[in-house]
Amino acid sequence: MSEKRLVEDYIVDRLIQVKGWRFIESVRLKRDDLGEPLLIPDLIEAIKRINSDVELTEGDVNRVLSELKLAPANMEGAKTVLRCLKYGTPVKLEKERTVKNIQLIDYEDLEKNDFVISRQVSFRGYGEIRADIILYVNGIPLVLIECKSPAKPYSTLEEAYAQVKRYERTVPELFKYVQFSITAEWKANYFPNTTEGKETPQEKWRVEGVEDEVDATIEMLDKATLLDLLRHFIFVREVKGEYTRVMTRWMQYQATNKIVERVIKT
């Protein structure tokens, strides 16, 4: 077994055994088209489950899907997708004739969400790519992990970073959904994604009492932590007419949550 496979196996096993993610082999994912990043049947089930208090018609659900699918495969489209992930998708309901935000993710009850991990998943755009690890929440791909062998001097985190940037240019449709990627060998970095392959800053996640970088990064993928990051700490920012995705550093995340916790207690 290769060193790269050992790293990949370790991350997948820890996310399943420790963090409670559900593993599905790539060939068993509910998808008919490599050009469609969403797991449509899983997303439809999640929409109905999370919005069980709303009488949704098939047309209502299709309008939610269209809001995501028709968003352009660029950073402006990524901004639309992120808004839907955070706040829901506004839909004029066919039966009630009122506009309601249909939620894609339940941030209050984690158990209503479906957390799926898969590996060696192929996607098609201007070419075809195969991601080492993909993390889906409710059928939406949110995180990509690219692994390299720590035993090979040329197989570095920088090469993994460059590879993900090539992925962004090859399949921009995927990266209007994927919020950030992780590169891992015996060390690990994370960085926000774009749909254009543009450079974004690489950071390391830290956790008090955890020395190993890969283990610390796995803590970042704890269900509650990931959804907290998505809801409060990832944004698409416009500067001089250009959009880019920005993401918190670990110290900003920890400091902000400590302040919030202190305010709540007082």
C-alpha atoms as a PDB file:
ATOM      1  CA  MET A   1       0.000   0.000   0.000  1.00  0.00           C
ATOM      2  CA  SER A   2       1.349   3.437  -0.938  1.00  0.00           C
ATOM      3  CA  GLU A   3       2.143   6.129   1.617  1.00  0.00           C
ATOM      4  CA  LYS A   4      -0.418   8.359  -0.084  1.00  0.00           C
ATOM      5  CA  ARG A   5      -3.076   5.676   0.349  1.00  0.00           C
ATOM      6  CA  LEU A   6      -2.146   5.378   4.025  1.00  0.00           C
ATOM      7  CA  VAL A   7      -2.769   9.115   4.507  1.00  0.00           C
ATOM      8  CA  GLU A   8      -6.047   8.900   2.612  1.00  0.00           C
ATOM      9  CA  ASP A   9      -7.148   5.824   4.581  1.00  0.00           C
ATOM     10  CA  TYR A  10      -6.276   7.488   7.876  1.00  0.00           C
ATOM     11  CA  ILE A  11      -8.345  10.600   7.145  1.00  0.00           C
ATOM     12  CA  VAL A  12     -11.338   8.613   5.892  1.00  0.00           C
ATOM     13  CA  ASP A  13     -11.225   6.199   8.840  1.00  0.00           C
ATOM     14  CA  ARG A  14     -11.011   8.997  11.410  1.00  0.00           C
ATOM     15  CA  LEU A  15     -13.894  10.892   9.867  1.00  0.00           C
ATOM     16  CA  ILE A  16     -16.021   7.745   9.902  1.00  0.00           C
ATOM     17  CA  GLN A  17     -15.020   6.243  13.241  1.00  0.00           C
ATOM     18  CA  VAL A  18     -14.473   9.399  15.288  1.00  0.00           C
ATOM     19  CA  LYS A  19     -16.538  12.102  13.587  1.00  0.00           C
ATOM     20  CA  GLY A  20     -19.495  10.014  12.482  1.00  0.00           C
ATOM     21  CA  TRP A  21     -19.389  10.664   8.745  1.00  0.00           C
ATOM     22  CA  ARG A  22     -21.079   8.044   6.548  1.00  0.00           C
ATOM     23  CA  PHE A  23     -18.915   6.476   3.837  1.00  0.00           C
ATOM     24  CA  ILE A  24     -20.250   5.707   0.369  1.00  0.00           C
ATOM     25  CA  GLU A  25     -18.064   4.318  -2.406  1.00  0.00           C
ATOM     26  CA  SER A  26     -17.868   6.625  -5.394  1.00  0.00           C
ATOM     27  CA  VAL A  27     -19.571   4.092  -7.697  1.00  0.00           C
ATOM     28  CA  ARG A  28     -22.561   4.007  -5.309  1.00  0.00           C
ATOM     29  CA  LEU A  29     -23.102   7.761  -5.125  1.00  0.00           C
ATOM     30  CA  LYS A  30     -26.499   8.765  -6.496  1.00  0.00           C
ATOM     31  CA  ARG A  31     -25.386  10.513  -9.657  1.00  0.00           C
ATOM     32  CA  ASP A  32     -25.986   9.828 -13.323  1.00  0.00           C
ATOM     33  CA  ASP A  33     -23.730  12.477 -14.819  1.00  0.00           C
ATOM     34  CA  LEU A  34     -20.113  13.283 -13.957  1.00  0.00           C
ATOM     35  CA  GLY A  35     -20.844  16.862 -14.993  1.00  0.00           C
ATOM     36  CA  GLU A  36     -23.347  17.286 -12.128  1.00  0.00           C
ATOM     37  CA  PRO A  37     -21.564  17.811  -8.779  1.00  0.00           C
ATOM     38  CA  LEU A  38     -24.747  17.575  -6.703  1.00  0.00           C
ATOM     39  CA  LEU A  39     -26.181  14.296  -5.451  1.00  0.00           C
ATOM     40  CA  ILE A  40     -29.674  15.302  -6.555  1.00  0.00           C
ATOM     41  CA  PRO A  41     -31.727  12.503  -4.881  1.00  0.00           C
ATOM     42  CA  ASP A  42     -29.903  13.071  -1.572  1.00  0.00           C
ATOM     43  CA  LEU A  43     -30.468  16.822  -1.772  1.00  0.00           C
ATOM     44  CA  ILE A  44     -34.178  16.426  -2.523  1.00  0.00           C
ATOM     45  CA  GLU A  45     -34.581  14.100   0.470  1.00  0.00           C
ATOM     46  CA  ALA A  46     -32.751  16.591   2.701  1.00  0.00           C
ATOM     47  CA  ILE A  47     -34.869  19.533   1.520  1.00  0.00           C
ATOM     48  CA  LYS A  48     -38.074  17.660   2.367  1.00  0.00           C
ATOM     49  CA  ARG A  49     -36.701  16.436   5.710  1.00  0.00           C
ATOM     50  CA  ILE A  50     -35.367  19.799   6.884  1.00  0.00           C
ATOM     51  CA  ASN A  51     -38.447  21.732   5.719  1.00  0.00           C
ATOM     52  CA  SER A  52     -41.023  19.218   6.974  1.00  0.00           C
ATOM     53  CA  ASP A  53     -43.156  22.061   8.348  1.00  0.00           C
ATOM     54  CA  VAL A  54     -43.713  23.345   4.809  1.00  0.00           C
ATOM     55  CA  GLU A  55     -46.005  21.667   2.278  1.00  0.00           C
ATOM     56  CA  LEU A  56     -43.614  21.512  -0.659  1.00  0.00           C
ATOM     57  CA  THR A  57     -44.760  20.518  -4.127  1.00  0.00           C
ATOM     58  CA  GLU A  58     -42.495  18.959  -6.734  1.00  0.00           C
ATOM     59  CA  GLY A  59     -42.431  22.340  -8.454  1.00  0.00           C
ATOM     60  CA  ASP A  60     -41.283  24.056  -5.247  1.00  0.00           C
ATOM     61  CA  VAL A  61     -38.409  21.611  -4.849  1.00  0.00           C
ATOM     62  CA  ASN A  62     -37.434  21.998  -8.513  1.00  0.00           C
ATOM     63  CA  ARG A  63     -37.248  25.769  -8.080  1.00  0.00           C
ATOM     64  CA  VAL A  64     -34.836  25.288  -5.173  1.00  0.00           C
ATOM     65  CA  LEU A  65     -32.686  22.998  -7.310  1.00  0.00           C
ATOM     66  CA  SER A  66     -32.799  25.433 -10.223  1.00  0.00           C
ATOM     67  CA  GLU A  67     -31.499  28.268  -8.037  1.00  0.00           C
ATOM     68  CA  LEU A  68     -28.380  26.186  -7.392  1.00  0.00           C
ATOM     69  CA  LYS A  69     -27.945  24.555 -10.785  1.00  0.00           C
ATOM     70  CA  LEU A  70     -28.512  27.741 -12.798  1.00  0.00           C
ATOM     71  CA  ALA A  71     -26.050  29.806 -10.767  1.00  0.00           C
ATOM     72  CA  PRO A  72     -23.117  30.456 -13.127  1.00  0.00           C
ATOM     73  CA  ALA A  73     -19.912  28.478 -12.627  1.00  0.00           C
ATOM     74  CA  ASN A  74     -17.939  31.512 -11.489  1.00  0.00           C
ATOM     75  CA  MET A  75     -17.413  33.358  -8.223  1.00  0.00           C
ATOM     76  CA  GLU A  76     -20.562  35.415  -8.686  1.00  0.00           C
ATOM     77  CA  GLY A  77     -22.456  32.136  -8.900  1.00  0.00           C
ATOM     78  CA  ALA A  78     -20.527  30.879  -5.875  1.00  0.00           C
ATOM     79  CA  LYS A  79     -21.835  33.893  -3.957  1.00  0.00           C
ATOM     80  CA  THR A  80     -25.408  32.919  -4.862  1.00  0.00           C
ATOM     81  CA  VAL A  81     -24.798  29.325  -3.783  1.00  0.00           C
ATOM     82  CA  LEU A  82     -23.223  30.390  -0.480  1.00  0.00           C
ATOM     83  CA  ARG A  83     -26.179  32.657   0.260  1.00  0.00           C
ATOM     84  CA  CYS A  84     -28.504  29.702  -0.306  1.00  0.00           C
ATOM     85  CA  LEU A  85     -26.383  27.499   1.958  1.00  0.00           C
ATOM     86  CA  LYS A  86     -26.407  30.060   4.751  1.00  0.00           C
ATOM     87  CA  TYR A  87     -29.935  31.468   4.592  1.00  0.00           C
ATOM     88  CA  GLY A  88     -31.949  29.145   2.388  1.00  0.00           C
ATOM     89  CA  THR A  89     -33.472  29.615  -1.051  1.00  0.00           C
ATOM     90  CA  PRO A  90     -36.450  32.000  -1.407  1.00  0.00           C
ATOM     91  CA  VAL A  91     -39.329  30.239  -3.172  1.00  0.00           C
ATOM     92  CA  LYS A  92     -42.911  31.321  -3.830  1.00  0.00           C
ATOM     93  CA  LEU A  93     -44.784  28.237  -2.700  1.00  0.00           C
ATOM     94  CA  GLU A  94     -47.356  26.880  -5.150  1.00  0.00           C
ATOM     95  CA  LYS A  95     -49.947  26.005  -2.502  1.00  0.00           C
ATOM     96  CA  GLU A  96     -49.471  28.757   0.071  1.00  0.00           C
ATOM     97  CA  ARG A  97     -48.736  31.471  -2.516  1.00  0.00           C
ATOM     98  CA  THR A  98     -46.240  33.014  -0.104  1.00  0.00           C
ATOM     99  CA  VAL A  99     -42.465  33.393  -0.343  1.00  0.00           C
ATOM    100  CA  LYS A 100     -40.482  31.285   2.108  1.00  0.00           C
ATOM    101  CA  ASN A 101     -36.780  30.547   2.518  1.00  0.00           C
ATOM    102  CA  ILE A 102     -36.354  26.813   1.960  1.00  0.00           C
ATOM    103  CA  GLN A 103     -33.387  25.627   3.993  1.00  0.00           C
ATOM    104  CA  LEU A 104     -30.695  23.390   2.499  1.00  0.00           C
ATOM    105  CA  ILE A 105     -28.916  22.779   5.817  1.00  0.00           C
ATOM    106  CA  ASP A 106     -30.267  22.535   9.347  1.00  0.00           C
ATOM    107  CA  TYR A 107     -27.844  24.455  11.552  1.00  0.00           C
ATOM    108  CA  GLU A 108     -29.841  23.872  14.728  1.00  0.00           C
ATOM    109  CA  ASP A 109     -30.341  20.095  14.569  1.00  0.00           C
ATOM    110  CA  LEU A 110     -27.235  18.405  13.158  1.00  0.00           C
ATOM    111  CA  GLU A 111     -28.974  15.030  13.010  1.00  0.00           C
ATOM    112  CA  LYS A 112     -31.327  16.264  10.289  1.00  0.00           C
ATOM    113  CA  ASN A 113     -28.368  16.614   7.947  1.00  0.00           C
ATOM    114  CA  ASP A 114     -26.682  13.843   5.968  1.00  0.00           C
ATOM    115  CA  PHE A 115     -22.874  13.856   6.212  1.00  0.00           C
ATOM    116  CA  VAL A 116     -21.287  11.672   3.521  1.00  0.00           C
ATOM    117  CA  ILE A 117     -17.661  11.039   2.679  1.00  0.00           C
ATOM    118  CA  SER A 118     -16.474   9.400  -0.526  1.00  0.00           C
ATOM    119  CA  ARG A 119     -13.127   8.855  -2.217  1.00  0.00           C
ATOM    120  CA  GLN A 120     -11.704   8.748  -5.733  1.00  0.00           C
ATOM    121  CA  VAL A 121     -14.696  10.682  -7.076  1.00  0.00           C
ATOM    122  CA  SER A 122     -14.601  11.784 -10.713  1.00  0.00           C
ATOM    123  CA  PHE A 123     -16.025  15.038 -12.048  1.00  0.00           C
ATOM    124  CA  ARG A 124     -16.204  16.333 -15.608  1.00  0.00           C
ATOM    125  CA  GLY A 125     -15.993  19.893 -16.892  1.00  0.00           C
ATOM    126  CA  TYR A 126     -13.489  21.131 -19.471  1.00  0.00           C
ATOM    127  CA  GLY A 127     -11.720  17.857 -18.713  1.00  0.00           C
ATOM    128  CA  GLU A 128     -12.033  15.144 -16.103  1.00  0.00           C
ATOM    129  CA  ILE A 129     -10.605  15.141 -12.588  1.00  0.00           C
ATOM    130  CA  ARG A 130     -10.621  12.608  -9.770  1.00  0.00           C
ATOM    131  CA  ALA A 131     -10.638  13.914  -6.223  1.00  0.00           C
ATOM    132  CA  ASP A 132      -9.049  11.828  -3.478  1.00  0.00           C
ATOM    133  CA  ILE A 133     -11.739  12.643  -0.904  1.00  0.00           C
ATOM    134  CA  ILE A 134     -14.994  14.606  -1.148  1.00  0.00           C
ATOM    135  CA  LEU A 135     -17.236  15.594   1.763  1.00  0.00           C
ATOM    136  CA  TYR A 136     -20.937  16.064   1.035  1.00  0.00           C
ATOM    137  CA  VAL A 137     -23.563  17.616   3.291  1.00  0.00           C
ATOM    138  CA  ASN A 138     -27.101  16.844   2.119  1.00  0.00           C
ATOM    139  CA  GLY A 139     -25.781  15.906  -1.302  1.00  0.00           C
ATOM    140  CA  ILE A 140     -23.813  19.151  -1.730  1.00  0.00           C
ATOM    141  CA  PRO A 141     -20.018  18.823  -2.105  1.00  0.00           C
ATOM    142  CA  LEU A 142     -18.482  21.244   0.392  1.00  0.00           C
ATOM    143  CA  VAL A 143     -14.899  20.083   0.999  1.00  0.00           C
ATOM    144  CA  LEU A 144     -12.243  18.459  -1.192  1.00  0.00           C
ATOM    145  CA  ILE A 145      -9.153  16.751   0.235  1.00  0.00           C
ATOM    146  CA  GLU A 146      -6.066  16.027  -1.873  1.00  0.00           C
ATOM    147  CA  CYS A 147      -3.530  13.634  -0.353  1.00  0.00           C
ATOM    148  CA  LYS A 148       0.157  13.224  -1.120  1.00  0.00           C
ATOM    149  CA  SER A 149       2.781  10.766  -0.014  1.00  0.00           C
ATOM    150  CA  PRO A 150       5.035  12.006   2.827  1.00  0.00           C
ATOM    151  CA  ALA A 151       7.675   9.513   1.667  1.00  0.00           C
ATOM    152  CA  LYS A 152       8.229  11.088  -1.765  1.00  0.00           C
ATOM    153  CA  PRO A 153      10.235  14.338  -1.865  1.00  0.00           C
ATOM    154  CA  TYR A 154       8.499  15.569  -5.007  1.00  0.00           C
ATOM    155  CA  SER A 155       5.013  14.769  -3.648  1.00  0.00           C
ATOM    156  CA  THR A 156       4.519  17.886  -1.542  1.00  0.00           C
ATOM    157  CA  LEU A 157       1.700  20.002  -0.184  1.00  0.00           C
ATOM    158  CA  GLU A 158       2.601  22.655  -2.749  1.00  0.00           C
ATOM    159  CA  GLU A 159       2.126  20.137  -5.553  1.00  0.00           C
ATOM    160  CA  ALA A 160      -1.226  19.138  -4.033  1.00  0.00           C
ATOM    161  CA  TYR A 161      -2.200  22.826  -3.845  1.00  0.00           C
ATOM    162  CA  ALA A 162      -1.249  23.337  -7.505  1.00  0.00           C
ATOM    163  CA  GLN A 163      -3.251  20.245  -8.423  1.00  0.00           C
ATOM    164  CA  VAL A 164      -6.389  21.576  -6.716  1.00  0.00           C
ATOM    165  CA  LYS A 165      -5.923  24.885  -8.533  1.00  0.00           C
ATOM    166  CA  ARG A 166      -5.887  22.934 -11.802  1.00  0.00           C
ATOM    167  CA  TYR A 167      -9.071  21.213 -10.673  1.00  0.00           C
ATOM    168  CA  GLU A 168     -10.714  24.603 -10.147  1.00  0.00           C
ATOM    169  CA  ARG A 169      -9.984  25.635 -13.714  1.00  0.00           C
ATOM    170  CA  THR A 170     -11.017  22.248 -15.116  1.00  0.00           C
ATOM    171  CA  VAL A 171     -14.350  21.847 -13.295  1.00  0.00           C
ATOM    172  CA  PRO A 172     -15.526  25.300 -12.119  1.00  0.00           C
ATOM    173  CA  GLU A 173     -19.068  23.923 -11.702  1.00  0.00           C
ATOM    174  CA  LEU A 174     -17.821  21.801  -8.789  1.00  0.00           C
ATOM    175  CA  PHE A 175     -16.119  24.715  -7.072  1.00  0.00           C
ATOM    176  CA  LYS A 176     -19.133  26.969  -6.977  1.00  0.00           C
ATOM    177  CA  TYR A 177     -20.176  24.479  -4.260  1.00  0.00           C
ATOM    178  CA  VAL A 178     -16.872  23.372  -2.688  1.00  0.00           C
ATOM    179  CA  GLN A 179     -16.013  26.016  -0.096  1.00  0.00           C
ATOM    180  CA  PHE A 180     -12.499  24.983   0.831  1.00  0.00           C
ATOM    181  CA  SER A 181      -9.924  22.305   0.154  1.00  0.00           C
ATOM    182  CA  ILE A 182      -7.364  20.526   2.294  1.00  0.00           C
ATOM    183  CA  THR A 183      -3.974  19.224   1.235  1.00  0.00           C
ATOM    184  CA  ALA A 184      -2.499  16.499   3.423  1.00  0.00           C
ATOM    185  CA  GLU A 185       0.552  14.302   3.838  1.00  0.00           C
ATOM    186  CA  TRP A 186       2.229  14.226   7.260  1.00  0.00           C
ATOM    187  CA  LYS A 187       1.326  17.892   7.433  1.00  0.00           C
ATOM    188  CA  ALA A 188      -1.866  19.611   6.291  1.00  0.00           C
ATOM    189  CA  ASN A 189      -3.047  22.965   4.947  1.00  0.00           C
ATOM    190  CA  TYR A 190      -6.489  24.351   4.124  1.00  0.00           C
ATOM    191  CA  PHE A 191      -7.506  27.161   1.780  1.00  0.00           C
ATOM    192  CA  PRO A 192     -10.691  28.653   0.272  1.00  0.00           C
ATOM    193  CA  ASN A 193     -11.496  27.696  -3.296  1.00  0.00           C
ATOM    194  CA  THR A 194     -12.228  29.803  -6.360  1.00  0.00           C
ATOM    195  CA  THR A 195     -13.736  28.751  -9.685  1.00  0.00           C
ATOM    196  CA  GLU A 196     -10.814  30.222 -11.618  1.00  0.00           C
ATOM    197  CA  GLY A 197      -7.675  28.668 -10.164  1.00  0.00           C
ATOM    198  CA  LYS A 198      -6.597  31.942  -8.582  1.00  0.00           C
ATOM    199  CA  GLU A 199      -4.166  31.903  -5.671  1.00  0.00           C
ATOM    200  CA  THR A 200      -5.712  31.881  -2.200  1.00  0.00           C
ATOM    201  CA  PRO A 201      -3.859  31.858   1.139  1.00  0.00           C
ATOM    202  CA  GLN A 202      -3.002  28.518   2.714  1.00  0.00           C
ATOM    203  CA  GLU A 203      -3.419  28.156   6.455  1.00  0.00           C
ATOM    204  CA  LYS A 204      -3.000  25.522   9.155  1.00  0.00           C
ATOM    205  CA  TRP A 205      -5.783  24.576  11.539  1.00  0.00           C
ATOM    206  CA  ARG A 206      -4.823  24.343  15.194  1.00  0.00           C
ATOM    207  CA  VAL A 207      -6.544  22.727  18.157  1.00  0.00           C
ATOM    208  CA  GLU A 208      -5.402  23.053  21.753  1.00  0.00           C
ATOM    209  CA  GLY A 209      -3.822  19.814  22.916  1.00  0.00           C
ATOM    210  CA  VAL A 210      -3.522  18.354  19.397  1.00  0.00           C
ATOM    211  CA  GLU A 211       0.020  18.419  18.024  1.00  0.00           C
ATOM    212  CA  ASP A 212      -0.461  16.457  14.801  1.00  0.00           C
ATOM    213  CA  GLU A 213      -1.494  18.723  11.888  1.00  0.00           C
ATOM    214  CA  VAL A 214      -3.624  16.084  10.179  1.00  0.00           C
ATOM    215  CA  ASP A 215      -5.463  15.281  13.419  1.00  0.00           C
ATOM    216  CA  ALA A 216      -6.054  18.988  14.020  1.00  0.00           C
ATOM    217  CA  THR A 217      -7.448  19.351  10.507  1.00  0.00           C
ATOM    218  CA  ILE A 218      -9.760  16.379  11.076  1.00  0.00           C
ATOM    219  CA  GLU A 219     -11.134  18.300  14.078  1.00  0.00           C
ATOM    220  CA  MET A 220     -11.934  21.083  11.644  1.00  0.00           C
ATOM    221  CA  LEU A 221     -14.214  18.602   9.856  1.00  0.00           C
ATOM    222  CA  ASP A 222     -16.215  17.790  12.957  1.00  0.00           C
ATOM    223  CA  LYS A 223     -19.856  18.162  11.899  1.00  0.00           C
ATOM    224  CA  ALA A 224     -20.639  21.065  14.210  1.00  0.00           C
ATOM    225  CA  THR A 225     -17.376  22.860  13.435  1.00  0.00           C
ATOM    226  CA  LEU A 226     -17.797  22.512   9.678  1.00  0.00           C
ATOM    227  CA  LEU A 227     -21.335  23.897   9.738  1.00  0.00           C
ATOM    228  CA  ASP A 228     -20.239  26.715  12.045  1.00  0.00           C
ATOM    229  CA  LEU A 229     -17.494  27.608   9.566  1.00  0.00           C
ATOM    230  CA  LEU A 230     -19.942  27.511   6.671  1.00  0.00           C
ATOM    231  CA  ARG A 231     -22.559  29.608   8.412  1.00  0.00           C
ATOM    232  CA  HIS A 232     -20.393  32.266  10.036  1.00  0.00           C
ATOM    233  CA  PHE A 233     -16.807  32.217   8.783  1.00  0.00           C
ATOM    234  CA  ILE A 234     -16.800  31.797   4.982  1.00  0.00           C
ATOM    235  CA  PHE A 235     -17.733  34.619   2.605  1.00  0.00           C
ATOM    236  CA  VAL A 236     -17.553  35.624  -1.041  1.00  0.00           C
ATOM    237  CA  ARG A 237     -16.107  39.110  -1.134  1.00  0.00           C
ATOM    238  CA  GLU A 238     -16.094  41.630  -3.994  1.00  0.00           C
ATOM    239  CA  VAL A 239     -13.068  43.885  -4.378  1.00  0.00           C
ATOM    240  CA  LYS A 240     -12.810  46.224  -7.375  1.00  0.00           C
ATOM    241  CA  GLY A 241     -15.359  44.207  -9.297  1.00  0.00           C
ATOM    242  CA  GLU A 242     -13.684  40.853  -8.661  1.00  0.00           C
ATOM    243  CA  TYR A 243     -15.131  38.153  -6.434  1.00  0.00           C
ATOM    244  CA  THR A 244     -13.121  35.810  -4.263  1.00  0.00           C
ATOM    245  CA  ARG A 245     -13.922  33.416  -1.434  1.00  0.00           C
ATOM    246  CA  VAL A 246     -12.436  34.232   1.966  1.00  0.00           C
ATOM    247  CA  MET A 247     -12.259  32.089   5.062  1.00  0.00           C
ATOM    248  CA  THR A 248     -11.306  32.538   8.687  1.00  0.00           C
ATOM    249  CA  ARG A 249      -7.928  31.640  10.130  1.00  0.00           C
ATOM    250  CA  TRP A 250      -7.975  29.233  13.043  1.00  0.00           C
ATOM    251  CA  MET A 251      -7.042  31.891  15.609  1.00  0.00           C
ATOM    252  CA  GLN A 252      -9.837  34.180  14.390  1.00  0.00           C
ATOM    253  CA  TYR A 253     -12.313  31.309  14.611  1.00  0.00           C
ATOM    254  CA  GLN A 254     -11.305  30.378  18.147  1.00  0.00           C
ATOM    255  CA  ALA A 255     -11.127  33.980  19.393  1.00  0.00           C
ATOM    256  CA  THR A 256     -14.530  34.883  17.940  1.00  0.00           C
ATOM    257  CA  ASN A 257     -16.256  31.862  19.450  1.00  0.00           C
ATOM    258  CA  LYS A 258     -14.645  32.499  22.842  1.00  0.00           C
ATOM    259  CA  ILE A 259     -15.942  36.080  22.777  1.00  0.00           C
ATOM    260  CA  VAL A 260     -19.440  34.882  21.846  1.00  0.00           C
ATOM    261  CA  GLU A 261     -19.334  32.256  24.599  1.00  0.00           C
ATOM    262  CA  ARG A 262     -18.228  34.860  27.144  1.00  0.00           C
ATOM    263  CA  VAL A 263     -21.031  37.246  26.115  1.00  0.00           C
ATOM    264  CA  ILE A 264     -23.643  34.500  26.394  1.00  0.00           C
ATOM    265  CA  LYS A 265     -22.482  33.575  29.900  1.00  0.00           C
ATOM    266  CA  THR A 266     -22.552  37.166  31.218  1.00  0.00           C
END
